[in-house]
Amino acid sequence: MQSQTTFSLSFWINATRAINNYSPVYARITVNGQRSEISLKRNVLFKEWDNTKNRG
């Protein structure tokens, strides 16, 4: 019997916490449907963030 494991990693910025047009970057790790979110302690210029590629 085999078990199936799922894994995904997503990045996003939180625009509501922007200071001087810099937004904090967060990561979400999902394993088998269980999510965990962490701050990466990095900031990116809001207008340089590309939502389609999820990177700055």
PDB file of N, CA and C in Angstrom:
ATOM      1  N   MET A   1       0.834  -1.170   0.000  1.00  0.00           N
ATOM      2  CA  MET A   1       0.000   0.000   0.000  1.00  0.00           C
ATOM      3  C   MET A   1       0.893   1.252   0.000  1.00  0.00           C
ATOM      4  N   GLN A   2       0.622   2.164  -0.907  1.00  0.00           N
ATOM      5  CA  GLN A   2       1.399   3.385  -1.006  1.00  0.00           C
ATOM      6  C   GLN A   2       0.623   4.545  -0.403  1.00  0.00           C
ATOM      7  N   SER A   3       1.337   5.463   0.201  1.00  0.00           N
ATOM      8  CA  SER A   3       0.699   6.673   0.695  1.00  0.00           C
ATOM      9  C   SER A   3       1.130   7.841  -0.175  1.00  0.00           C
ATOM     10  N   GLN A   4       0.240   8.774  -0.360  1.00  0.00           N
ATOM     11  CA  GLN A   4       0.527   9.929  -1.210  1.00  0.00           C
ATOM     12  C   GLN A   4       0.728  11.150  -0.318  1.00  0.00           C
ATOM     13  N   THR A   5       1.804  11.869  -0.561  1.00  0.00           N
ATOM     14  CA  THR A   5       2.127  13.062   0.197  1.00  0.00           C
ATOM     15  C   THR A   5       2.087  14.262  -0.745  1.00  0.00           C
ATOM     16  N   THR A   6       1.430  15.335  -0.301  1.00  0.00           N
ATOM     17  CA  THR A   6       1.390  16.557  -1.099  1.00  0.00           C
ATOM     18  C   THR A   6       2.197  17.636  -0.401  1.00  0.00           C
ATOM     19  N   PHE A   7       2.787  18.518  -1.195  1.00  0.00           N
ATOM     20  CA  PHE A   7       3.627  19.588  -0.676  1.00  0.00           C
ATOM     21  C   PHE A   7       3.495  20.790  -1.592  1.00  0.00           C
ATOM     22  N   SER A   8       3.344  21.987  -1.007  1.00  0.00           N
ATOM     23  CA  SER A   8       3.371  23.202  -1.812  1.00  0.00           C
ATOM     24  C   SER A   8       3.997  24.330  -1.011  1.00  0.00           C
ATOM     25  N   LEU A   9       4.574  25.289  -1.731  1.00  0.00           N
ATOM     26  CA  LEU A   9       5.229  26.440  -1.133  1.00  0.00           C
ATOM     27  C   LEU A   9       4.771  27.673  -1.896  1.00  0.00           C
ATOM     28  N   SER A  10       4.246  28.661  -1.173  1.00  0.00           N
ATOM     29  CA  SER A  10       3.749  29.893  -1.787  1.00  0.00           C
ATOM     30  C   SER A  10       4.370  31.092  -1.097  1.00  0.00           C
ATOM     31  N   PHE A  11       4.605  32.147  -1.864  1.00  0.00           N
ATOM     32  CA  PHE A  11       5.116  33.404  -1.328  1.00  0.00           C
ATOM     33  C   PHE A  11       4.120  34.504  -1.624  1.00  0.00           C
ATOM     34  N   TRP A  12       3.991  35.468  -0.725  1.00  0.00           N
ATOM     35  CA  TRP A  12       3.138  36.610  -0.968  1.00  0.00           C
ATOM     36  C   TRP A  12       3.569  37.766  -0.081  1.00  0.00           C
ATOM     37  N   ILE A  13       3.079  38.965  -0.416  1.00  0.00           N
ATOM     38  CA  ILE A  13       3.347  40.137   0.407  1.00  0.00           C
ATOM     39  C   ILE A  13       2.047  40.558   1.076  1.00  0.00           C
ATOM     40  N   ASN A  14       2.181  41.185   2.219  1.00  0.00           N
ATOM     41  CA  ASN A  14       1.022  41.676   2.948  1.00  0.00           C
ATOM     42  C   ASN A  14       0.971  43.191   2.769  1.00  0.00           C
ATOM     43  N   ALA A  15       0.179  43.638   1.818  1.00  0.00           N
ATOM     44  CA  ALA A  15       0.117  45.053   1.463  1.00  0.00           C
ATOM     45  C   ALA A  15      -0.469  45.904   2.585  1.00  0.00           C
ATOM     46  N   THR A  16      -1.264  45.314   3.460  1.00  0.00           N
ATOM     47  CA  THR A  16      -1.861  46.092   4.552  1.00  0.00           C
ATOM     48  C   THR A  16      -0.827  46.473   5.605  1.00  0.00           C
ATOM     49  N   ARG A  17       0.316  45.810   5.613  1.00  0.00           N
ATOM     50  CA  ARG A  17       1.384  46.116   6.571  1.00  0.00           C
ATOM     51  C   ARG A  17       2.531  46.879   5.925  1.00  0.00           C
ATOM     52  N   ALA A  18       2.270  47.492   4.792  1.00  0.00           N
ATOM     53  CA  ALA A  18       3.309  48.225   4.066  1.00  0.00           C
ATOM     54  C   ALA A  18       3.706  49.482   4.832  1.00  0.00           C
ATOM     55  N   ILE A  19       5.012  49.731   4.874  1.00  0.00           N
ATOM     56  CA  ILE A  19       5.564  50.939   5.477  1.00  0.00           C
ATOM     57  C   ILE A  19       6.477  51.576   4.444  1.00  0.00           C
ATOM     58  N   ASN A  20       6.180  52.828   4.083  1.00  0.00           N
ATOM     59  CA  ASN A  20       6.950  53.554   3.058  1.00  0.00           C
ATOM     60  C   ASN A  20       7.030  52.762   1.756  1.00  0.00           C
ATOM     61  N   ASN A  21       5.928  52.156   1.350  1.00  0.00           N
ATOM     62  CA  ASN A  21       5.805  51.374   0.115  1.00  0.00           C
ATOM     63  C   ASN A  21       6.599  50.076   0.131  1.00  0.00           C
ATOM     64  N   TYR A  22       7.109  49.656   1.270  1.00  0.00           N
ATOM     65  CA  TYR A  22       7.774  48.357   1.407  1.00  0.00           C
ATOM     66  C   TYR A  22       6.856  47.421   2.174  1.00  0.00           C
ATOM     67  N   SER A  23       6.650  46.227   1.633  1.00  0.00           N
ATOM     68  CA  SER A  23       5.764  45.243   2.248  1.00  0.00           C
ATOM     69  C   SER A  23       6.556  44.026   2.695  1.00  0.00           C
ATOM     70  N   PRO A  24       6.173  43.427   3.831  1.00  0.00           N
ATOM     71  CA  PRO A  24       6.859  42.212   4.280  1.00  0.00           C
ATOM     72  C   PRO A  24       6.498  41.015   3.411  1.00  0.00           C
ATOM     73  N   VAL A  25       7.447  40.099   3.241  1.00  0.00           N
ATOM     74  CA  VAL A  25       7.250  38.903   2.421  1.00  0.00           C
ATOM     75  C   VAL A  25       6.989  37.716   3.355  1.00  0.00           C
ATOM     76  N   TYR A  26       5.975  36.933   3.020  1.00  0.00           N
ATOM     77  CA  TYR A  26       5.586  35.767   3.802  1.00  0.00           C
ATOM     78  C   TYR A  26       5.656  34.510   2.942  1.00  0.00           C
ATOM     79  N   ALA A  27       5.788  33.366   3.595  1.00  0.00           N
ATOM     80  CA  ALA A  27       5.773  32.075   2.910  1.00  0.00           C
ATOM     81  C   ALA A  27       4.738  31.185   3.574  1.00  0.00           C
ATOM     82  N   ARG A  28       4.057  30.401   2.774  1.00  0.00           N
ATOM     83  CA  ARG A  28       3.112  29.410   3.277  1.00  0.00           C
ATOM     84  C   ARG A  28       3.566  28.041   2.789  1.00  0.00           C
ATOM     85  N   ILE A  29       3.760  27.131   3.724  1.00  0.00           N
ATOM     86  CA  ILE A  29       4.140  25.755   3.415  1.00  0.00           C
ATOM     87  C   ILE A  29       2.945  24.874   3.732  1.00  0.00           C
ATOM     88  N   THR A  30       2.543  24.063   2.755  1.00  0.00           N
ATOM     89  CA  THR A  30       1.406  23.157   2.939  1.00  0.00           C
ATOM     90  C   THR A  30       1.874  21.728   2.700  1.00  0.00           C
ATOM     91  N   VAL A  31       1.652  20.876   3.693  1.00  0.00           N
ATOM     92  CA  VAL A  31       1.986  19.460   3.587  1.00  0.00           C
ATOM     93  C   VAL A  31       0.750  18.672   3.983  1.00  0.00           C
ATOM     94  N   ASN A  32       0.244  17.885   3.051  1.00  0.00           N
ATOM     95  CA  ASN A  32      -0.953  17.066   3.275  1.00  0.00           C
ATOM     96  C   ASN A  32      -2.131  17.888   3.804  1.00  0.00           C
ATOM     97  N   GLY A  33      -2.284  19.101   3.293  1.00  0.00           N
ATOM     98  CA  GLY A  33      -3.409  19.943   3.667  1.00  0.00           C
ATOM     99  C   GLY A  33      -3.213  20.751   4.940  1.00  0.00           C
ATOM    100  N   GLN A  34      -2.135  20.542   5.663  1.00  0.00           N
ATOM    101  CA  GLN A  34      -1.842  21.303   6.876  1.00  0.00           C
ATOM    102  C   GLN A  34      -0.969  22.499   6.506  1.00  0.00           C
ATOM    103  N   ARG A  35      -1.462  23.707   6.808  1.00  0.00           N
ATOM    104  CA  ARG A  35      -0.749  24.921   6.428  1.00  0.00           C
ATOM    105  C   ARG A  35       0.034  25.501   7.592  1.00  0.00           C
ATOM    106  N   SER A  36       1.146  26.126   7.244  1.00  0.00           N
ATOM    107  CA  SER A  36       1.952  26.866   8.198  1.00  0.00           C
ATOM    108  C   SER A  36       2.481  28.098   7.482  1.00  0.00           C
ATOM    109  N   GLU A  37       2.349  29.263   8.129  1.00  0.00           N
ATOM    110  CA  GLU A  37       2.784  30.508   7.516  1.00  0.00           C
ATOM    111  C   GLU A  37       3.895  31.118   8.354  1.00  0.00           C
ATOM    112  N   ILE A  38       4.906  31.653   7.655  1.00  0.00           N
ATOM    113  CA  ILE A  38       6.025  32.285   8.337  1.00  0.00           C
ATOM    114  C   ILE A  38       6.399  33.584   7.637  1.00  0.00           C
ATOM    115  N   SER A  39       6.936  34.518   8.402  1.00  0.00           N
ATOM    116  CA  SER A  39       7.489  35.737   7.837  1.00  0.00           C
ATOM    117  C   SER A  39       8.932  35.469   7.471  1.00  0.00           C
ATOM    118  N   LEU A  40       9.364  35.973   6.331  1.00  0.00           N
ATOM    119  CA  LEU A  40      10.738  35.770   5.889  1.00  0.00           C
ATOM    120  C   LEU A  40      11.670  36.871   6.379  1.00  0.00           C
ATOM    121  N   LYS A  41      11.124  37.826   7.128  1.00  0.00           N
ATOM    122  CA  LYS A  41      11.913  38.953   7.657  1.00  0.00           C
ATOM    123  C   LYS A  41      12.587  39.741   6.542  1.00  0.00           C
ATOM    124  N   ARG A  42      11.920  39.796   5.394  1.00  0.00           N
ATOM    125  CA  ARG A  42      12.400  40.563   4.245  1.00  0.00           C
ATOM    126  C   ARG A  42      11.275  41.494   3.785  1.00  0.00           C
ATOM    127  N   ASN A  43      11.664  42.617   3.207  1.00  0.00           N
ATOM    128  CA  ASN A  43      10.699  43.564   2.658  1.00  0.00           C
ATOM    129  C   ASN A  43      11.007  43.777   1.188  1.00  0.00           C
ATOM    130  N   VAL A  44       9.949  44.051   0.430  1.00  0.00           N
ATOM    131  CA  VAL A  44      10.107  44.298  -0.995  1.00  0.00           C
ATOM    132  C   VAL A  44       9.274  45.537  -1.343  1.00  0.00           C
ATOM    133  N   LEU A  45       9.751  46.294  -2.302  1.00  0.00           N
ATOM    134  CA  LEU A  45       9.025  47.461  -2.767  1.00  0.00           C
ATOM    135  C   LEU A  45       7.714  47.003  -3.390  1.00  0.00           C
ATOM    136  N   PHE A  46       6.612  47.574  -2.923  1.00  0.00           N
ATOM    137  CA  PHE A  46       5.278  47.116  -3.309  1.00  0.00           C
ATOM    138  C   PHE A  46       5.079  47.104  -4.822  1.00  0.00           C
ATOM    139  N   LYS A  47       5.513  48.131  -5.523  1.00  0.00           N
ATOM    140  CA  LYS A  47       5.273  48.202  -6.968  1.00  0.00           C
ATOM    141  C   LYS A  47       6.170  47.250  -7.770  1.00  0.00           C
ATOM    142  N   GLU A  48       7.209  46.684  -7.156  1.00  0.00           N
ATOM    143  CA  GLU A  48       8.085  45.744  -7.846  1.00  0.00           C
ATOM    144  C   GLU A  48       7.657  44.287  -7.683  1.00  0.00           C
ATOM    145  N   TRP A  49       6.663  44.042  -6.829  1.00  0.00           N
ATOM    146  CA  TRP A  49       6.208  42.672  -6.605  1.00  0.00           C
ATOM    147  C   TRP A  49       5.360  42.209  -7.787  1.00  0.00           C
ATOM    148  N   ASP A  50       5.662  41.033  -8.310  1.00  0.00           N
ATOM    149  CA  ASP A  50       4.924  40.464  -9.445  1.00  0.00           C
ATOM    150  C   ASP A  50       4.018  39.358  -8.914  1.00  0.00           C
ATOM    151  N   ASN A  51       2.711  39.604  -8.873  1.00  0.00           N
ATOM    152  CA  ASN A  51       1.758  38.626  -8.332  1.00  0.00           C
ATOM    153  C   ASN A  51       1.655  37.368  -9.173  1.00  0.00           C
ATOM    154  N   THR A  52       1.883  37.464 -10.470  1.00  0.00           N
ATOM    155  CA  THR A  52       1.763  36.271 -11.303  1.00  0.00           C
ATOM    156  C   THR A  52       2.926  35.305 -11.071  1.00  0.00           C
ATOM    157  N   LYS A  53       4.104  35.846 -10.764  1.00  0.00           N
ATOM    158  CA  LYS A  53       5.274  35.014 -10.522  1.00  0.00           C
ATOM    159  C   LYS A  53       5.583  34.839  -9.038  1.00  0.00           C
ATOM    160  N   ASN A  54       4.858  35.576  -8.189  1.00  0.00           N
ATOM    161  CA  ASN A  54       5.061  35.562  -6.737  1.00  0.00           C
ATOM    162  C   ASN A  54       6.503  35.802  -6.346  1.00  0.00           C
ATOM    163  N   ARG A  55       7.062  36.861  -6.915  1.00  0.00           N
ATOM    164  CA  ARG A  55       8.411  37.253  -6.566  1.00  0.00           C
ATOM    165  C   ARG A  55       8.609  38.743  -6.841  1.00  0.00           C
ATOM    166  N   GLY A  56       9.634  39.300  -6.202  1.00  0.00           N
ATOM    167  CA  GLY A  56       9.919  40.722  -6.349  1.00  0.00           C
ATOM    168  C   GLY A  56      11.037  41.000  -7.287  1.00  0.00           C
TER     169      GLY A  56
END
